[in-house]
């Protein structure tokens, strides 16, 4: 229950409730008693850090999201939804800023002029000038993702390197010797996007440790990209019997391309990955995956930001998520050569699927 609900039930403005709680301005005894009666009825206990934040100048936090026109994944949308919901519980407003870089006008407007009390920054690159810029302003901020050297910063992240390595280990334990990684787009990889590079790192380490043959493919974040990528894998690496993916938005296309190629999951081909649970459950058969708790991640980022605003001198804190691999139905023993489809390369893709993710 938040201050807005208390104000509604008391028949007063939100600011009046805030003044009654903080004592910053006088409130009549009758009004104070009416507010207290509602608080007692609702058993409201204002969080100390949230109360401190409410006494700030704006009671607004900024959330930097991918730039306008960019396709947001289900995981990214969950981050936004959970941050907004957590802010509402603390009686805060959220100002969304679609921004692609530190020189972006939207980003500069957000951090200049003290329009917000703090910022949550999504989609972090290993070398991210936006993080440097925020540090220069002194505005409290938390990142969803982390830079290459995150010491001294507040962040929440998923351990992509470890999770991808665990997926490779699972497939290797099932006898697969030729595994491909479906990563994010080549543009994100080349920009230094943290999850993509850490997935790359974890895949290379696990493939080398298990003495496997591994190949990496970049893939656009959509179904068409997934279809193109699988067609490329089966044409360029026909011995491949398993895929690890960190590109949840491409999963429906991956499924269609495997079906078109005559691959039966998991009898002749296995797939595992890192994805939000709704994508894993919608895959057919359901995807063996590390289910990213995207809603929890956004809520934790918001909680850290509230704490940092309340105590600017506090030591940096972070939270790393390493969810367990949920074993579903998309992985099985490596097939015997005789069990694989008669053709190892897929039939020609329709013309609209031609090209690569760089087109």
Protein backbone atom coordinates (compact mmCIF):
# COMPACT_ATOMS: atom_id res chain seq x y z
CA UNK A 1 0.00 0.00 0.00
CA UNK A 2 1.43 3.41 -0.96
CA UNK A 3 0.91 7.05 -0.01
CA UNK A 4 -1.44 7.59 -2.94
CA UNK A 5 -3.90 5.02 -1.56
CA UNK A 6 -3.67 6.47 1.95
CA UNK A 7 -4.39 9.94 0.52
CA UNK A 8 -7.39 8.64 -1.44
CA UNK A 9 -8.91 6.93 1.59
CA UNK A 10 -8.21 9.92 3.83
CA UNK A 11 -9.65 12.43 1.36
CA UNK A 12 -6.48 14.54 1.30
CA UNK A 13 -3.64 15.27 -1.11
CA UNK A 14 -0.62 12.96 -1.32
CA UNK A 15 1.57 15.85 -0.18
CA UNK A 16 -0.54 16.20 2.99
CA UNK A 17 0.10 12.53 3.82
CA UNK A 18 3.81 13.06 3.19
CA UNK A 19 3.85 16.11 5.49
CA UNK A 20 2.00 14.18 8.20
CA UNK A 21 4.54 11.36 8.02
CA UNK A 22 7.67 13.50 7.80
CA UNK A 23 6.63 16.45 9.96
CA UNK A 24 8.15 18.85 7.42
CA UNK A 25 5.02 21.03 7.45
CA UNK A 26 2.20 21.45 10.00
CA UNK A 27 -0.97 19.42 9.49
CA UNK A 28 -4.16 20.02 11.48
CA UNK A 29 -4.82 17.60 14.32
CA UNK A 30 -8.09 16.44 12.74
CA UNK A 31 -6.40 15.72 9.40
CA UNK A 32 -3.45 14.04 11.07
CA UNK A 33 -5.80 11.82 13.07
CA UNK A 34 -7.80 10.88 9.94
CA UNK A 35 -4.59 9.94 8.12
CA UNK A 36 -3.36 7.95 11.11
CA UNK A 37 -6.65 6.04 11.28
CA UNK A 38 -6.22 4.97 7.63
CA UNK A 39 -2.60 4.03 8.25
CA UNK A 40 -3.60 1.91 11.23
CA UNK A 41 -6.38 0.27 9.24
CA UNK A 42 -4.01 -0.60 6.37
CA UNK A 43 -1.13 -1.51 8.69
CA UNK A 44 1.09 0.78 6.62
CA UNK A 45 4.77 0.83 7.53
CA UNK A 46 6.75 3.29 5.37
CA UNK A 47 10.16 1.93 4.42
CA UNK A 48 12.88 4.17 5.82
CA UNK A 49 14.83 4.42 2.58
CA UNK A 50 11.68 5.00 0.52
CA UNK A 51 10.62 7.72 2.96
CA UNK A 52 14.00 9.39 2.62
CA UNK A 53 13.67 9.28 -1.15
CA UNK A 54 10.15 10.77 -1.01
CA UNK A 55 11.61 13.76 0.78
CA UNK A 56 13.91 14.45 -2.17
CA UNK A 57 13.38 17.10 -4.77
CA UNK A 58 11.59 15.24 -7.56
CA UNK A 59 10.27 11.87 -6.32
CA UNK A 60 11.00 10.75 -9.90
CA UNK A 61 13.54 8.23 -11.17
CA UNK A 62 14.76 7.86 -14.73
CA UNK A 63 14.82 4.58 -16.65
CA UNK A 64 17.02 4.57 -19.75
CA UNK A 65 15.59 2.12 -22.29
CA UNK A 66 16.70 1.14 -25.83
CA UNK A 67 16.31 3.95 -28.40
CA UNK A 68 13.03 4.64 -30.16
CA UNK A 69 12.57 2.26 -33.07
CA UNK A 70 14.65 -0.52 -31.50
CA UNK A 71 12.90 -3.85 -31.08
CA UNK A 72 12.56 -4.59 -27.36
CA UNK A 73 12.67 -8.22 -26.30
CA UNK A 74 10.24 -9.78 -23.84
CA UNK A 75 12.99 -9.72 -21.23
CA UNK A 76 13.58 -5.99 -21.70
CA UNK A 77 9.85 -5.26 -21.49
CA UNK A 78 9.73 -7.22 -18.23
CA UNK A 79 12.59 -5.09 -16.87
CA UNK A 80 10.61 -1.93 -17.67
CA UNK A 81 7.36 -3.27 -16.22
CA UNK A 82 8.95 -4.43 -12.98
CA UNK A 83 10.86 -1.16 -12.47
CA UNK A 84 7.67 0.86 -12.98
CA UNK A 85 5.71 -1.42 -10.64
CA UNK A 86 8.38 -1.28 -7.93
CA UNK A 87 8.54 2.51 -8.23
CA UNK A 88 4.77 2.75 -7.85
CA UNK A 89 4.94 0.72 -4.65
CA UNK A 90 7.41 3.31 -3.31
CA UNK A 91 5.12 6.12 -4.50
CA UNK A 92 7.59 7.27 -7.14
CA UNK A 93 7.19 8.30 -10.75
CA UNK A 94 9.33 6.88 -13.57
CA UNK A 95 10.57 8.98 -16.48
CA UNK A 96 11.42 6.78 -19.49
CA UNK A 97 14.31 7.92 -21.65
CA UNK A 98 14.84 6.08 -24.96
CA UNK A 99 18.55 6.51 -25.50
CA UNK A 100 21.23 4.89 -27.62
CA UNK A 101 24.36 6.56 -26.30
CA UNK A 102 25.98 9.14 -24.06
CA UNK A 103 25.63 11.87 -26.69
CA UNK A 104 21.92 11.18 -27.18
CA UNK A 105 19.81 14.26 -26.49
CA UNK A 106 17.23 12.32 -24.49
CA UNK A 107 19.91 10.94 -22.18
CA UNK A 108 21.49 14.36 -21.65
CA UNK A 109 18.13 15.96 -20.89
CA UNK A 110 17.43 13.23 -18.35
CA UNK A 111 20.65 13.68 -16.39
CA UNK A 112 20.99 17.45 -16.64
CA UNK A 113 19.03 19.89 -14.54
CA UNK A 114 18.35 17.32 -11.79
CA UNK A 115 15.06 16.23 -13.35
CA UNK A 116 15.31 12.89 -11.50
CA UNK A 117 16.63 11.69 -8.14
CA UNK A 118 18.32 8.65 -9.67
CA UNK A 119 18.66 6.60 -12.85
CA UNK A 120 18.41 2.93 -13.86
CA UNK A 121 20.40 2.22 -17.02
CA UNK A 122 19.63 -0.83 -19.20
CA UNK A 123 21.55 -2.56 -22.01
CA UNK A 124 25.08 -2.08 -20.75
CA UNK A 125 28.18 -2.32 -22.92
CA UNK A 126 31.48 -3.47 -21.45
CA UNK A 127 32.92 -0.03 -22.18
CA UNK A 128 29.90 2.22 -21.73
CA UNK A 129 30.40 6.00 -21.84
CA UNK A 130 26.93 6.53 -20.36
CA UNK A 131 28.14 4.98 -17.11
CA UNK A 132 31.12 7.33 -17.10
CA UNK A 133 28.83 10.29 -17.78
CA UNK A 134 26.47 9.38 -14.94
CA UNK A 135 29.39 9.00 -12.54
CA UNK A 136 30.55 12.50 -13.50
CA UNK A 137 27.16 14.04 -12.66
CA UNK A 138 26.96 12.53 -9.20
CA UNK A 139 23.41 11.33 -9.82
CA UNK A 140 22.78 7.99 -8.04
CA UNK A 141 22.38 5.21 -10.62
CA UNK A 142 22.08 1.45 -10.94
CA UNK A 143 22.75 -0.58 -14.09
CA UNK A 144 20.93 -3.67 -15.34
CA UNK A 145 24.05 -5.34 -16.70
CA UNK A 146 27.60 -4.38 -15.82
CA UNK A 147 30.65 -2.82 -17.43
CA UNK A 148 33.96 -4.67 -17.84
CA UNK A 149 35.29 -3.30 -14.54
CA UNK A 150 32.21 -2.80 -12.35
CA UNK A 151 34.03 -2.11 -9.07
CA UNK A 152 32.48 0.89 -7.37
CA UNK A 153 29.23 0.72 -9.35
CA UNK A 154 25.79 -0.54 -8.32
CA UNK A 155 24.43 -3.19 -10.66
CA UNK A 156 22.19 -6.20 -11.25
CA UNK A 157 23.12 -8.79 -13.86
CA UNK A 158 22.72 -12.32 -15.18
CA UNK A 159 25.82 -14.53 -15.25
CA UNK A 160 25.65 -15.31 -18.96
CA UNK A 161 29.16 -16.80 -19.13
CA UNK A 162 28.43 -19.36 -16.43
CA UNK A 163 24.94 -20.19 -17.73
CA UNK A 164 26.07 -20.70 -21.32
CA UNK A 165 28.90 -22.88 -20.04
CA UNK A 166 26.41 -24.96 -18.07
CA UNK A 167 24.28 -25.43 -21.19
CA UNK A 168 27.35 -26.64 -23.09
CA UNK A 169 28.21 -29.02 -20.25
CA UNK A 170 24.67 -30.42 -20.28
CA UNK A 171 24.82 -31.06 -24.02
CA UNK A 172 28.33 -32.54 -23.79
CA UNK A 173 27.14 -34.90 -21.05
CA UNK A 174 24.47 -36.09 -23.50
CA UNK A 175 27.18 -36.94 -26.04
CA UNK A 176 27.00 -33.94 -28.36
CA UNK A 177 30.39 -33.11 -29.85
CA UNK A 178 29.49 -30.41 -32.40
CA UNK A 179 27.63 -27.47 -30.83
CA UNK A 180 26.72 -24.02 -32.18
CA UNK A 181 26.06 -20.82 -30.25
CA UNK A 182 23.26 -18.55 -31.49
CA UNK A 183 24.28 -15.18 -30.10
CA UNK A 184 22.68 -11.74 -30.43
CA UNK A 185 23.09 -9.58 -33.55
CA UNK A 186 26.48 -8.75 -35.04
CA UNK A 187 25.78 -5.07 -34.34
CA UNK A 188 25.33 -5.75 -30.60
CA UNK A 189 28.40 -7.99 -30.46
CA UNK A 190 30.57 -5.40 -32.22
CA UNK A 191 29.27 -2.63 -29.93
CA UNK A 192 30.56 -4.50 -26.87
CA UNK A 193 27.13 -5.48 -25.55
CA UNK A 194 27.82 -7.21 -22.23
CA UNK A 195 25.47 -10.25 -22.37
CA UNK A 196 26.56 -11.12 -25.92
CA UNK A 197 30.28 -10.94 -25.17
CA UNK A 198 29.95 -12.83 -21.90
CA UNK A 199 27.92 -15.54 -23.66
CA UNK A 200 30.70 -15.73 -26.24
CA UNK A 201 33.29 -16.03 -23.47
CA UNK A 202 31.39 -18.75 -21.60
CA UNK A 203 30.82 -20.75 -24.79
CA UNK A 204 34.47 -20.64 -25.83
CA UNK A 205 35.64 -21.67 -22.36
CA UNK A 206 33.23 -24.61 -22.09
CA UNK A 207 33.84 -25.87 -25.63
CA UNK A 208 37.60 -25.80 -25.04
CA UNK A 209 37.34 -27.43 -21.63
CA UNK A 210 35.15 -30.25 -22.96
CA UNK A 211 37.23 -30.62 -26.15
CA UNK A 212 34.25 -30.05 -28.43
CA UNK A 213 33.85 -28.47 -31.84
CA UNK A 214 32.06 -25.18 -31.38
CA UNK A 215 30.94 -22.45 -33.74
CA UNK A 216 29.32 -19.09 -33.05
CA UNK A 217 26.67 -17.38 -35.15
CA UNK A 218 25.21 -13.90 -34.73
CA UNK A 219 21.47 -13.58 -35.14
CA UNK A 220 18.98 -10.73 -35.39
CA UNK A 221 16.41 -10.48 -32.59
CA UNK A 222 13.41 -11.79 -34.50
CA UNK A 223 11.93 -14.94 -35.99
CA UNK A 224 13.26 -14.28 -39.48
CA UNK A 225 16.75 -13.92 -38.03
CA UNK A 226 16.35 -17.27 -36.27
CA UNK A 227 15.38 -18.98 -39.52
CA UNK A 228 18.32 -17.50 -41.40
CA UNK A 229 20.72 -18.43 -38.61
CA UNK A 230 19.70 -22.10 -38.43
CA UNK A 231 19.87 -22.37 -42.22
CA UNK A 232 23.41 -20.98 -42.03
CA UNK A 233 24.42 -23.35 -39.23
CA UNK A 234 23.18 -26.47 -41.03
CA UNK A 235 24.80 -25.40 -44.29
CA UNK A 236 28.15 -24.29 -42.85
CA UNK A 237 28.45 -26.82 -39.98
CA UNK A 238 26.44 -29.89 -41.05
CA UNK A 239 27.87 -32.05 -38.25
CA UNK A 240 26.18 -29.82 -35.65
CA UNK A 241 23.75 -31.74 -33.46
CA UNK A 242 22.98 -29.12 -30.79
CA UNK A 243 22.53 -25.40 -30.29
CA UNK A 244 22.95 -23.10 -27.29
CA UNK A 245 21.08 -19.81 -27.67
CA UNK A 246 20.92 -16.52 -25.81
CA UNK A 247 18.59 -14.99 -28.40
CA UNK A 248 15.09 -15.63 -27.09
CA UNK A 249 13.40 -13.41 -29.66
CA UNK A 250 14.67 -15.65 -32.47
CA UNK A 251 13.38 -18.89 -30.94
CA UNK A 252 10.21 -19.22 -33.01
CA UNK A 253 12.25 -18.91 -36.20
CA UNK A 254 14.80 -21.41 -34.90
CA UNK A 255 11.99 -23.90 -34.31
CA UNK A 256 10.53 -23.43 -37.81
CA UNK A 257 13.92 -23.75 -39.49
CA UNK A 258 14.71 -27.01 -37.67
CA UNK A 259 11.32 -28.42 -38.67
CA UNK A 260 11.88 -27.38 -42.30
CA UNK A 261 15.27 -29.11 -42.25
CA UNK A 262 13.68 -32.36 -41.07
CA UNK A 263 15.32 -32.15 -37.63
CA UNK A 264 13.26 -33.67 -34.84
CA UNK A 265 13.88 -32.10 -31.43
CA UNK A 266 15.29 -33.76 -29.36
CA UNK A 267 15.59 -37.08 -31.27
CA UNK A 268 17.95 -35.76 -33.95
CA UNK A 269 18.80 -32.30 -32.67
CA UNK A 270 18.99 -30.66 -29.23
CA UNK A 271 18.70 -27.05 -28.15
CA UNK A 272 19.26 -25.31 -24.82
CA UNK A 273 19.74 -21.72 -23.80
CA UNK A 274 19.22 -18.70 -21.58
CA UNK A 275 15.75 -17.15 -21.89
CA UNK A 276 12.77 -15.79 -20.02
CA UNK A 277 10.56 -18.67 -18.92
CA UNK A 278 7.62 -17.72 -21.15
CA UNK A 279 9.81 -18.10 -24.25
CA UNK A 280 11.13 -21.43 -22.99
CA UNK A 281 7.64 -22.75 -22.35
CA UNK A 282 6.33 -21.62 -25.75
CA UNK A 283 9.09 -23.44 -27.64
CA UNK A 284 8.07 -26.86 -28.99
CA UNK A 285 9.06 -28.99 -27.31
CA UNK A 286 9.61 -26.79 -24.23
CA UNK A 287 13.15 -25.45 -24.07
CA UNK A 288 15.77 -26.64 -21.62
CA UNK A 289 16.98 -23.28 -20.34
CA UNK A 290 18.22 -21.08 -17.54
CA UNK A 291 15.04 -19.11 -16.90
CA UNK A 292 16.00 -15.45 -16.46
CA UNK A 293 13.92 -13.92 -13.61
CA UNK A 294 13.45 -10.66 -15.50
CA UNK A 295 10.66 -9.33 -13.28
CA UNK A 296 12.73 -9.90 -10.16
CA UNK A 297 15.79 -8.29 -11.74
CA UNK A 298 13.93 -5.05 -12.42
CA UNK A 299 12.51 -4.98 -8.90
CA UNK A 300 15.95 -5.56 -7.36
CA UNK A 301 17.42 -2.76 -9.49
CA UNK A 302 14.73 -0.40 -8.21
CA UNK A 303 15.34 -1.44 -4.59
CA UNK A 304 19.08 -0.82 -4.98
CA UNK A 305 18.45 2.60 -6.47
CA UNK A 306 16.17 3.59 -3.59
CA UNK A 307 18.85 2.50 -1.13
CA UNK A 308 21.54 4.41 -2.99
CA UNK A 309 19.49 7.62 -3.10
CA UNK A 310 18.70 7.29 0.60
CA UNK A 311 22.38 6.81 1.49
CA UNK A 312 24.65 8.28 -1.22
CA UNK A 313 27.78 7.37 0.72
CA UNK A 314 26.94 3.67 1.07
CA UNK A 315 29.40 1.12 -0.28
CA UNK A 316 28.58 -0.13 -3.78
CA UNK A 317 26.30 -3.17 -3.92
CA UNK A 318 25.27 -5.59 -6.64
CA UNK A 319 23.27 -8.74 -7.29
CA UNK A 320 24.27 -11.50 -9.72
CA UNK A 321 21.60 -13.92 -10.90
CA UNK A 322 22.62 -17.46 -11.87
CA UNK A 323 19.32 -19.35 -12.21
CA UNK A 324 19.47 -23.15 -12.45
CA UNK A 325 19.05 -24.88 -15.80
CA UNK A 326 15.43 -26.09 -16.05
CA UNK A 327 15.52 -29.45 -17.82
CA UNK A 328 12.61 -29.62 -20.24
CA UNK A 329 12.10 -31.59 -23.43
CA UNK A 330 14.36 -29.94 -26.02
CA UNK A 331 17.56 -31.82 -25.16
CA UNK A 332 18.37 -35.49 -25.54
CA UNK A 333 21.26 -37.85 -26.31
CA UNK A 334 23.34 -37.09 -29.37
CA UNK A 335 21.84 -39.00 -32.30
CA UNK A 336 23.57 -41.87 -34.04
CA UNK A 337 24.55 -40.91 -37.59
CA UNK A 338 21.85 -43.22 -38.99
CA UNK A 339 19.18 -41.40 -36.97
CA UNK A 340 19.81 -38.02 -38.57
CA UNK A 341 17.85 -36.75 -41.60
CA UNK A 342 19.00 -38.01 -44.97
CA UNK A 343 20.14 -34.46 -45.82
CA UNK A 344 22.48 -32.59 -43.56
CA UNK A 345 21.86 -29.21 -45.13
CA UNK A 346 18.40 -27.68 -45.09
CA UNK A 347 16.40 -27.23 -48.29
CA UNK A 348 16.87 -23.87 -49.96
CA UNK A 349 15.41 -21.08 -47.86
CA UNK A 350 12.69 -18.95 -49.42
CA UNK A 351 14.00 -15.77 -51.10
CA UNK A 352 12.78 -13.52 -48.30
CA UNK A 353 15.07 -15.35 -45.88
CA UNK A 354 18.23 -14.88 -47.92
CA UNK A 355 21.12 -12.86 -46.54
CA UNK A 356 22.63 -12.49 -43.08
CA UNK A 357 21.83 -10.47 -40.01
CA UNK A 358 24.02 -7.69 -41.34
CA UNK A 359 21.76 -7.03 -44.32
